[in-house]
C-alpha atoms as a PDB file:
ATOM      1  CA  MET A   1     115.932  72.691 -74.722  1.00  0.00           C
ATOM      2  CA  ALA A   2     118.467  75.509 -74.431  1.00  0.00           C
ATOM      3  CA  PRO A   3     122.193  74.678 -74.468  1.00  0.00           C
ATOM      4  CA  THR A   4     123.897  74.433 -71.083  1.00  0.00           C
ATOM      5  CA  ILE A   5     127.469  75.125 -70.032  1.00  0.00           C
ATOM      6  CA  GLN A   6     129.074  72.903 -67.415  1.00  0.00           C
ATOM      7  CA  PHE A   7     132.474  71.966 -66.064  1.00  0.00           C
ATOM      8  CA  VAL A   8     134.010  68.757 -67.389  1.00  0.00           C
ATOM      9  CA  THR A   9     135.625  66.848 -64.531  1.00  0.00           C
ATOM     10  CA  THR A  10     135.323  63.089 -65.022  1.00  0.00           C
ATOM     11  CA  ARG A  11     137.043  60.707 -67.423  1.00  0.00           C
ATOM     12  CA  ASP A  12     133.637  59.776 -68.845  1.00  0.00           C
ATOM     13  CA  ASP A  13     132.892  63.446 -69.543  1.00  0.00           C
ATOM     14  CA  LEU A  14     136.333  63.886 -71.112  1.00  0.00           C
ATOM     15  CA  GLN A  15     135.708  60.921 -73.401  1.00  0.00           C
ATOM     16  CA  ARG A  16     132.427  62.497 -74.512  1.00  0.00           C
ATOM     17  CA  CYS A  17     134.324  65.712 -75.348  1.00  0.00           C
ATOM     18  CA  ALA A  18     137.203  64.083 -77.216  1.00  0.00           C
ATOM     19  CA  GLY A  19     135.679  64.225 -80.697  1.00  0.00           C
ATOM     20  CA  VAL A  20     135.107  67.972 -80.546  1.00  0.00           C
ATOM     21  CA  MET A  21     138.537  68.717 -79.043  1.00  0.00           C
ATOM     22  CA  LEU A  22     140.252  66.616 -81.713  1.00  0.00           C
ATOM     23  CA  GLU A  23     138.848  68.995 -84.333  1.00  0.00           C
ATOM     24  CA  LEU A  24     141.073  71.662 -82.750  1.00  0.00           C
ATOM     25  CA  ARG A  25     143.925  69.375 -81.700  1.00  0.00           C
ATOM     26  CA  PRO A  26     144.167  66.712 -84.455  1.00  0.00           C
ATOM     27  CA  HIS A  27     147.655  65.671 -83.321  1.00  0.00           C
ATOM     28  CA  LEU A  28     146.031  63.962 -80.312  1.00  0.00           C
ATOM     29  CA  THR A  29     144.150  60.693 -80.069  1.00  0.00           C
ATOM     30  CA  ALA A  30     140.984  60.429 -78.008  1.00  0.00           C
ATOM     31  CA  GLU A  31     142.851  58.491 -75.315  1.00  0.00           C
ATOM     32  CA  GLY A  32     145.763  60.953 -75.468  1.00  0.00           C
ATOM     33  CA  PHE A  33     143.335  63.827 -74.982  1.00  0.00           C
ATOM     34  CA  VAL A  34     141.801  62.158 -71.910  1.00  0.00           C
ATOM     35  CA  GLU A  35     145.213  61.388 -70.398  1.00  0.00           C
ATOM     36  CA  GLN A  36     146.711  64.830 -71.107  1.00  0.00           C
ATOM     37  CA  THR A  37     143.632  66.680 -69.886  1.00  0.00           C
ATOM     38  CA  THR A  38     143.502  64.587 -66.708  1.00  0.00           C
ATOM     39  CA  LEU A  39     147.050  65.753 -65.940  1.00  0.00           C
ATOM     40  CA  GLN A  40     146.233  69.355 -66.798  1.00  0.00           C
ATOM     41  CA  LEU A  41     143.177  69.314 -64.513  1.00  0.00           C
ATOM     42  CA  LEU A  42     145.531  68.492 -61.642  1.00  0.00           C
ATOM     43  CA  GLU A  43     147.581  71.576 -62.584  1.00  0.00           C
ATOM     44  CA  GLY A  44     144.627  73.976 -62.538  1.00  0.00           C
ATOM     45  CA  TYR A  45     143.325  73.619 -66.092  1.00  0.00           C
ATOM     46  CA  GLN A  46     139.547  73.814 -66.311  1.00  0.00           C
ATOM     47  CA  LEU A  47     137.364  72.608 -69.152  1.00  0.00           C
ATOM     48  CA  VAL A  48     133.763  73.590 -69.807  1.00  0.00           C
ATOM     49  CA  SER A  49     131.420  72.186 -72.399  1.00  0.00           C
ATOM     50  CA  LEU A  50     128.449  73.740 -74.104  1.00  0.00           C
ATOM     51  CA  GLU A  51     125.928  70.965 -74.691  1.00  0.00           C
ATOM     52  CA  ASN A  52     122.432  70.522 -75.996  1.00  0.00           C
ATOM     53  CA  ASP A  53     120.432  67.321 -75.470  1.00  0.00           C
ATOM     54  CA  GLY A  54     123.572  65.548 -74.244  1.00  0.00           C
ATOM     55  CA  GLN A  55     125.590  66.446 -77.350  1.00  0.00           C
ATOM     56  CA  VAL A  56     128.864  68.354 -76.913  1.00  0.00           C
ATOM     57  CA  LEU A  57     128.780  71.349 -79.267  1.00  0.00           C
ATOM     58  CA  ALA A  58     131.668  73.514 -78.030  1.00  0.00           C
ATOM     59  CA  LEU A  59     134.500  73.478 -75.492  1.00  0.00           C
ATOM     60  CA  ALA A  60     136.639  76.012 -73.681  1.00  0.00           C
ATOM     61  CA  GLY A  61     139.731  75.028 -71.723  1.00  0.00           C
ATOM     62  CA  PHE A  62     141.437  77.628 -69.565  1.00  0.00           C
ATOM     63  CA  ARG A  63     143.566  78.304 -66.517  1.00  0.00           C
ATOM     64  CA  ILE A  64     143.829  81.180 -64.086  1.00  0.00           C
ATOM     65  CA  TYR A  65     147.132  82.502 -62.784  1.00  0.00           C
ATOM     66  CA  HIS A  66     148.868  85.708 -61.797  1.00  0.00           C
ATOM     67  CA  MET A  67     151.081  87.529 -64.291  1.00  0.00           C
ATOM     68  CA  LEU A  68     153.264  90.588 -63.924  1.00  0.00           C
ATOM     69  CA  VAL A  69     152.512  91.728 -67.479  1.00  0.00           C
ATOM     70  CA  SER A  70     148.763  91.905 -66.820  1.00  0.00           C
ATOM     71  CA  GLY A  71     149.116  93.369 -63.349  1.00  0.00           C
ATOM     72  CA  GLY A  72     147.318  90.554 -61.634  1.00  0.00           C
ATOM     73  CA  LYS A  73     145.062  87.581 -62.035  1.00  0.00           C
ATOM     74  CA  THR A  74     144.622  86.459 -65.644  1.00  0.00           C
ATOM     75  CA  LEU A  75     142.395  83.881 -67.296  1.00  0.00           C
ATOM     76  CA  TYR A  76     144.224  82.285 -70.223  1.00  0.00           C
ATOM     77  CA  ILE A  77     142.164  80.335 -72.746  1.00  0.00           C
ATOM     78  CA  ASP A  78     144.180  77.326 -73.916  1.00  0.00           C
ATOM     79  CA  ASP A  79     141.483  75.785 -76.093  1.00  0.00           C
ATOM     80  CA  LEU A  80     138.302  77.126 -77.660  1.00  0.00           C
ATOM     81  CA  VAL A  81     136.468  75.074 -80.261  1.00  0.00           C
ATOM     82  CA  THR A  82     133.004  74.618 -81.685  1.00  0.00           C
ATOM     83  CA  ALA A  83     132.170  71.379 -83.485  1.00  0.00           C
ATOM     84  CA  ALA A  84     132.250  71.903 -87.246  1.00  0.00           C
ATOM     85  CA  SER A  85     128.636  70.735 -87.464  1.00  0.00           C
ATOM     86  CA  ALA A  86     127.565  73.388 -84.933  1.00  0.00           C
ATOM     87  CA  ARG A  87     129.407  76.469 -86.212  1.00  0.00           C
ATOM     88  CA  SER A  88     127.720  79.764 -87.101  1.00  0.00           C
ATOM     89  CA  GLN A  89     125.054  79.239 -84.444  1.00  0.00           C
ATOM     90  CA  ALA A  90     126.601  81.596 -81.832  1.00  0.00           C
ATOM     91  CA  TYR A  91     127.799  78.738 -79.582  1.00  0.00           C
ATOM     92  CA  GLY A  92     131.393  80.013 -79.621  1.00  0.00           C
ATOM     93  CA  SER A  93     130.218  83.505 -78.755  1.00  0.00           C
ATOM     94  CA  ARG A  94     128.061  82.212 -75.932  1.00  0.00           C
ATOM     95  CA  LEU A  95     130.936  80.163 -74.556  1.00  0.00           C
ATOM     96  CA  ILE A  96     133.514  82.961 -74.674  1.00  0.00           C
ATOM     97  CA  GLN A  97     131.019  85.299 -72.977  1.00  0.00           C
ATOM     98  CA  TRP A  98     130.530  82.696 -70.240  1.00  0.00           C
ATOM     99  CA  VAL A  99     134.314  82.429 -69.793  1.00  0.00           C
ATOM    100  CA  GLU A 100     134.595  86.219 -69.552  1.00  0.00           C
ATOM    101  CA  GLU A 101     131.874  86.349 -66.890  1.00  0.00           C
ATOM    102  CA  TYR A 102     133.614  83.544 -64.995  1.00  0.00           C
ATOM    103  CA  ALA A 103     136.934  85.431 -65.170  1.00  0.00           C
ATOM    104  CA  ARG A 104     135.321  88.557 -63.732  1.00  0.00           C
ATOM    105  CA  ALA A 105     133.674  86.538 -60.951  1.00  0.00           C
ATOM    106  CA  GLU A 106     137.086  85.035 -60.115  1.00  0.00           C
ATOM    107  CA  GLY A 107     138.655  88.499 -59.828  1.00  0.00           C
ATOM    108  CA  CYS A 108     140.650  88.372 -63.040  1.00  0.00           C
ATOM    109  CA  VAL A 109     141.867  91.632 -64.545  1.00  0.00           C
ATOM    110  CA  ARG A 110     142.625  90.192 -67.989  1.00  0.00           C
ATOM    111  CA  LEU A 111     141.488  87.481 -70.393  1.00  0.00           C
ATOM    112  CA  THR A 112     144.018  86.275 -72.953  1.00  0.00           C
ATOM    113  CA  LEU A 113     144.507  83.608 -75.594  1.00  0.00           C
ATOM    114  CA  ASP A 114     146.822  82.720 -78.447  1.00  0.00           C
ATOM    115  CA  SER A 115     145.681  81.980 -81.984  1.00  0.00           C
ATOM    116  CA  GLY A 116     147.622  80.525 -84.882  1.00  0.00           C
ATOM    117  CA  VAL A 117     148.863  83.168 -87.308  1.00  0.00           C
ATOM    118  CA  ASP A 118     147.056  81.573 -90.261  1.00  0.00           C
ATOM    119  CA  ASN A 119     143.671  81.227 -88.545  1.00  0.00           C
ATOM    120  CA  SER A 120     142.003  84.335 -89.973  1.00  0.00           C
ATOM    121  CA  ARG A 121     138.453  83.061 -89.291  1.00  0.00           C
ATOM    122  CA  ALA A 122     139.269  82.774 -85.597  1.00  0.00           C
ATOM    123  CA  HIS A 123     140.933  86.203 -85.605  1.00  0.00           C
ATOM    124  CA  LYS A 124     137.757  87.789 -87.005  1.00  0.00           C
ATOM    125  CA  PHE A 125     135.685  85.974 -84.377  1.00  0.00           C
ATOM    126  CA  TYR A 126     137.956  87.134 -81.537  1.00  0.00           C
ATOM    127  CA  SER A 127     137.842  90.716 -82.823  1.00  0.00           C
ATOM    128  CA  ARG A 128     134.021  90.586 -82.884  1.00  0.00           C
ATOM    129  CA  GLU A 129     134.147  89.363 -79.285  1.00  0.00           C
ATOM    130  CA  GLY A 130     136.208  92.404 -78.242  1.00  0.00           C
ATOM    131  CA  LEU A 131     139.658  90.809 -78.019  1.00  0.00           C
ATOM    132  CA  LYS A 132     142.576  92.823 -79.397  1.00  0.00           C
ATOM    133  CA  ILE A 133     145.913  91.678 -80.757  1.00  0.00           C
ATOM    134  CA  SER A 134     148.307  92.870 -78.071  1.00  0.00           C
ATOM    135  CA  ALA A 135     151.416  90.711 -78.424  1.00  0.00           C
ATOM    136  CA  PHE A 136     153.287  88.141 -80.460  1.00  0.00           C
ATOM    137  CA  HIS A 137     153.725  84.678 -78.958  1.00  0.00           C
ATOM    138  CA  PHE A 138     157.129  83.088 -79.518  1.00  0.00           C
ATOM    139  CA  GLY A 139     158.007  79.467 -78.883  1.00  0.00           C
ATOM    140  CA  LYS A 140     160.640  76.858 -79.510  1.00  0.00           C
ATOM    141  CA  SER A 141     160.342  73.091 -79.452  1.00  0.00           C
ATOM    142  CA  LEU A 142     162.677  71.462 -76.946  1.00  0.00           C
ATOM    143  CA  ASP A 143     162.560  67.979 -78.506  1.00  0.00           C
END
């Protein structure tokens, strides 16, 4: 059976996705992921899973909003992860291509994401997928 991509919308689906997302976001617990994502879904966050035979292999979380810097509607990828056991099988590429097609269908003029400065494997992947480094992202904790 070929892998399928679908929107994740229920708490049960979120719980099934938790293990894969925690590979990207290890500071979370499974329950914390479900709670946080439930809140984000109310704010416009969308999560899609790439699955095969009921097993979650990869996830992409994103939101769409308007930005002056991009000149219009932008799809921002918050989270993109393939399960460690499923890497190097083109699942990440398939998922990012799906997200790009979705962005175009939604009228977006730009697709963006941030990546940690030390994550050179991800940077190579994003470059292969046609993304270019176009800015630095600055942040400050407000704790």
